[in-house]
Every structure is written in C-alpha cells, then in structure tokens.
Amino acid sequence: MNATIAPELVFSAVAGLGNWTRTGVELTAEVDYRSYTWTVVISPSTSGELPTARIAGRSASGSTEPLDITAPLRTTLDLMDAAADALGY
C-alpha cells in the first residue's frame, strides 16, 4: 500500500463523514475514502501544547499501514468541531 495521498482530502472526508468515538482521552474516527479505511486521531493537549489531529493509519484488503501525518492547527480545530457535533457535545 504505497499510493500517494493528499492528507487534506482525508481530513476533509473525516470531518464530513467520520464515525467518531471517544477512546480514553483521544477522539478517533474512521472513514472510507479512495479504497482505504482511514483512521484519524485527535490527541488532547499536553504540557500546555495544543491538541493535535493526525492520520494514524489506513487499511485495505486485510492489510494495515501505520501512518503519522499531523494536521495543521486550523484543520485540527475543524476536526474537533466535527467530532464534538458528531458526539453531541
């Protein structure tokens, strides 16, 4: 699985269609996009830093590829809003 992707398209898909869940202190979403299931995680702030959203991985055809692609701050904030709306906060 080495197809090139534009991370902003995955983040946009997750913001609009993601299935959000709370896993401990993180928010996690999965979305099907371009033949993959993508996992995006929003981690809480630590030590005064801002929260971060990242693409944690993708899977297809029984194979999983770990990733660590961090979203820009504006995208992280948009994803936090999407997660809050989806989870009813």
C-alpha atoms as a PDB file:
ATOM      1  CA  MET A   1       0.000   0.000   0.000  1.00  0.00           C
ATOM      2  CA  ASN A   2       2.054   2.905  -1.169  1.00  0.00           C
ATOM      3  CA  ALA A   3      -0.443   5.088  -3.003  1.00  0.00           C
ATOM      4  CA  THR A   4       0.266   8.785  -2.633  1.00  0.00           C
ATOM      5  CA  ILE A   5      -2.461  10.741  -0.893  1.00  0.00           C
ATOM      6  CA  ALA A   6      -3.241  14.337  -0.159  1.00  0.00           C
ATOM      7  CA  PRO A   7      -3.737  14.381   3.632  1.00  0.00           C
ATOM      8  CA  GLU A   8      -6.050  17.394   3.483  1.00  0.00           C
ATOM      9  CA  LEU A   9      -8.522  15.324   1.443  1.00  0.00           C
ATOM     10  CA  VAL A  10      -8.552  12.595   4.090  1.00  0.00           C
ATOM     11  CA  PHE A  11      -9.009  15.160   6.876  1.00  0.00           C
ATOM     12  CA  SER A  12     -11.860  16.745   4.909  1.00  0.00           C
ATOM     13  CA  ALA A  13     -13.550  13.372   4.389  1.00  0.00           C
ATOM     14  CA  VAL A  14     -13.262  12.568   8.098  1.00  0.00           C
ATOM     15  CA  ALA A  15     -14.685  15.966   9.067  1.00  0.00           C
ATOM     16  CA  GLY A  16     -17.726  15.358   6.871  1.00  0.00           C
ATOM     17  CA  LEU A  17     -18.302  11.626   7.157  1.00  0.00           C
ATOM     18  CA  GLY A  18     -16.211  10.323  10.005  1.00  0.00           C
ATOM     19  CA  ASN A  19     -17.589   7.871  12.520  1.00  0.00           C
ATOM     20  CA  TRP A  20     -16.244   9.448  15.749  1.00  0.00           C
ATOM     21  CA  THR A  21     -15.730   7.640  19.039  1.00  0.00           C
ATOM     22  CA  ARG A  22     -14.045   8.537  22.306  1.00  0.00           C
ATOM     23  CA  THR A  23     -11.215   6.156  23.167  1.00  0.00           C
ATOM     24  CA  GLY A  24      -9.889   7.087  26.572  1.00  0.00           C
ATOM     25  CA  VAL A  25      -8.755  10.681  26.266  1.00  0.00           C
ATOM     26  CA  GLU A  26      -8.500  10.617  22.474  1.00  0.00           C
ATOM     27  CA  LEU A  27     -11.133  11.083  19.794  1.00  0.00           C
ATOM     28  CA  THR A  28     -10.926   8.591  16.947  1.00  0.00           C
ATOM     29  CA  ALA A  29     -12.692   8.499  13.591  1.00  0.00           C
ATOM     30  CA  GLU A  30     -12.687   6.149  10.662  1.00  0.00           C
ATOM     31  CA  VAL A  31     -13.792   6.985   7.160  1.00  0.00           C
ATOM     32  CA  ASP A  32     -13.760   5.077   3.883  1.00  0.00           C
ATOM     33  CA  TYR A  33     -12.026   7.123   1.220  1.00  0.00           C
ATOM     34  CA  ARG A  34     -10.383   6.085  -2.055  1.00  0.00           C
ATOM     35  CA  SER A  35     -10.485   2.337  -1.391  1.00  0.00           C
ATOM     36  CA  TYR A  36      -8.990   2.623   2.120  1.00  0.00           C
ATOM     37  CA  THR A  37     -10.370   2.899   5.622  1.00  0.00           C
ATOM     38  CA  TRP A  38      -8.521   5.800   7.224  1.00  0.00           C
ATOM     39  CA  THR A  39      -8.104   6.306  10.965  1.00  0.00           C
ATOM     40  CA  VAL A  40      -7.746   9.830  12.328  1.00  0.00           C
ATOM     41  CA  VAL A  41      -6.956  10.502  15.985  1.00  0.00           C
ATOM     42  CA  ILE A  42      -7.233  13.745  17.933  1.00  0.00           C
ATOM     43  CA  SER A  43      -4.929  13.676  20.933  1.00  0.00           C
ATOM     44  CA  PRO A  44      -5.501  16.039  23.857  1.00  0.00           C
ATOM     45  CA  SER A  45      -3.145  18.823  24.703  1.00  0.00           C
ATOM     46  CA  THR A  46      -0.221  18.024  26.938  1.00  0.00           C
ATOM     47  CA  SER A  47       2.120  20.299  28.836  1.00  0.00           C
ATOM     48  CA  GLY A  48       0.336  23.403  27.609  1.00  0.00           C
ATOM     49  CA  GLU A  49       0.539  22.393  23.963  1.00  0.00           C
ATOM     50  CA  LEU A  50      -2.475  22.480  21.678  1.00  0.00           C
ATOM     51  CA  PRO A  51      -4.369  19.302  20.730  1.00  0.00           C
ATOM     52  CA  THR A  52      -3.248  17.591  17.531  1.00  0.00           C
ATOM     53  CA  ALA A  53      -5.073  15.617  14.886  1.00  0.00           C
ATOM     54  CA  ARG A  54      -3.244  13.074  12.800  1.00  0.00           C
ATOM     55  CA  ILE A  55      -3.831  10.330  10.314  1.00  0.00           C
ATOM     56  CA  ALA A  56      -2.817   7.291  12.343  1.00  0.00           C
ATOM     57  CA  GLY A  57      -3.189   4.684   9.626  1.00  0.00           C
ATOM     58  CA  ARG A  58      -5.084   3.183   6.750  1.00  0.00           C
ATOM     59  CA  SER A  59      -6.242  -0.303   5.900  1.00  0.00           C
ATOM     60  CA  ALA A  60      -7.424  -2.182   2.829  1.00  0.00           C
ATOM     61  CA  SER A  61      -7.840  -5.806   1.841  1.00  0.00           C
ATOM     62  CA  GLY A  62      -6.818  -7.077   5.273  1.00  0.00           C
ATOM     63  CA  SER A  63      -3.589  -5.089   5.336  1.00  0.00           C
ATOM     64  CA  THR A  64      -2.940  -2.187   7.737  1.00  0.00           C
ATOM     65  CA  GLU A  65      -0.372   0.543   7.270  1.00  0.00           C
ATOM     66  CA  PRO A  66       0.517   2.729  10.260  1.00  0.00           C
ATOM     67  CA  LEU A  67       0.930   6.414   9.432  1.00  0.00           C
ATOM     68  CA  ASP A  68       1.693   9.546  11.416  1.00  0.00           C
ATOM     69  CA  ILE A  69       0.577  12.554   9.371  1.00  0.00           C
ATOM     70  CA  THR A  70      -0.161  15.589  11.527  1.00  0.00           C
ATOM     71  CA  ALA A  71      -2.867  18.060  10.583  1.00  0.00           C
ATOM     72  CA  PRO A  72      -2.272  21.806  10.611  1.00  0.00           C
ATOM     73  CA  LEU A  73      -3.754  23.639  13.600  1.00  0.00           C
ATOM     74  CA  ARG A  74      -6.742  25.056  11.661  1.00  0.00           C
ATOM     75  CA  THR A  75      -7.599  21.553  10.436  1.00  0.00           C
ATOM     76  CA  THR A  76      -7.254  20.144  13.959  1.00  0.00           C
ATOM     77  CA  LEU A  77      -9.698  22.764  15.258  1.00  0.00           C
ATOM     78  CA  ASP A  78     -12.163  21.981  12.433  1.00  0.00           C
ATOM     79  CA  LEU A  79     -11.914  18.268  13.216  1.00  0.00           C
ATOM     80  CA  MET A  80     -12.505  18.949  16.905  1.00  0.00           C
ATOM     81  CA  ASP A  81     -15.699  20.814  15.975  1.00  0.00           C
ATOM     82  CA  ALA A  82     -16.799  17.930  13.726  1.00  0.00           C
ATOM     83  CA  ALA A  83     -16.138  15.393  16.476  1.00  0.00           C
ATOM     84  CA  ALA A  84     -17.994  17.469  19.074  1.00  0.00           C
ATOM     85  CA  ASP A  85     -21.015  17.762  16.751  1.00  0.00           C
ATOM     86  CA  ALA A  86     -20.972  14.038  15.943  1.00  0.00           C
ATOM     87  CA  LEU A  87     -20.696  13.057  19.611  1.00  0.00           C
ATOM     88  CA  GLY A  88     -23.347  15.547  20.728  1.00  0.00           C
ATOM     89  CA  TYR A  89     -21.109  17.812  22.810  1.00  0.00           C
END
